[in-house]
Amino acid sequence: MEQLRLFSDNMPDTRSPQTLMWNLWHGCTRVSPGCAHCYMFRKDEAVGRDASIVRKTGSFNLPVRKLRTGEYKGYYKVPSGSHFFTCFSSDFFHKDADSWRSDAWDMIRTRSDCTFFMITKRPERILQNLPRDWNDGWNHVTIAVTCENQQMADERLPVYLSIPMVNRAVMTEPLLEEIHLEKYLSGIQNVSVGGESGPFARPCNYDWVLSLKEQCKEYGVSFYYHQTGAKLIKNGREYIIPREYQHSQAHKAGLDS
């Protein structure tokens, strides 16, 4: 007698969504002042690995891996509705990953039931490396650009804003000086700010953070104070903040909107 199935083959995926890191390749090269003390270079140097060599990782196909056993056999291991922080140990648009990017886009397209967030310092390479069916952008993908000082903001944001996208975000991290984004904010949904971490961190002045907060408020842009950094200057005094408190102290400032 055929075994009774308690669930249909098309039963809904009722598992809770996850938030996870998807580093599909690893390694990068420095392109601007914000890269000087990159955590990825520090970690690789500590284990004797050359961080400038871009390597495909064992997690490359993570979004499309499927379960082989159990109640959800045949379903993706990562549940529907999950959020992928994408390529945080490299740059998704690094030239050395050109041969892998098409496959990456295929997986992102396939998992349109999830959301993907990636950050680049190479907006000049975005347009030529988008999938053919990108059109005005994919709703489930956010490509953010980083601007650590005014020069990088003025170089990167005009290029970034010229590219069709549904979701736009700017990361001013590590924030190395006061930045004015007013002329760009009408095309941005959110701005994230953070100081620099690590043993060689450069100071971040709290007044620079407040300035960006006010700019975003004026233009109705979401603002997120991500982390204080290791050295925060506030009211003329420099504070040394241990790594484990940098996120919580930023949150306690109550600036997020």
Foldseek 3Di string as FASTA:
>chain_A
DDDDDPDDPPDDQPDDAEEEEQAQKAAEDDDDPLCPPDPLCVVCVVVPHHRNDIGGDPSNLQQADAACDDPRGPHRPGDFAYEYAYNPRYALQGPNCLVPNVVSVVSCVVRLSYAYEYEHQCLVRPVVRDDPPQVLHRPRYEYEYEDQAAVSCVVRQVSNLVHRYDAYEYENPQNQDAYDCLVRQLSHAAYEYEHAEDPPGDEDEVVSVVVVLVSCVVNVHWYHDQFRYQWYAYPNDIDGDDPVCGRVVSVVVVSTD
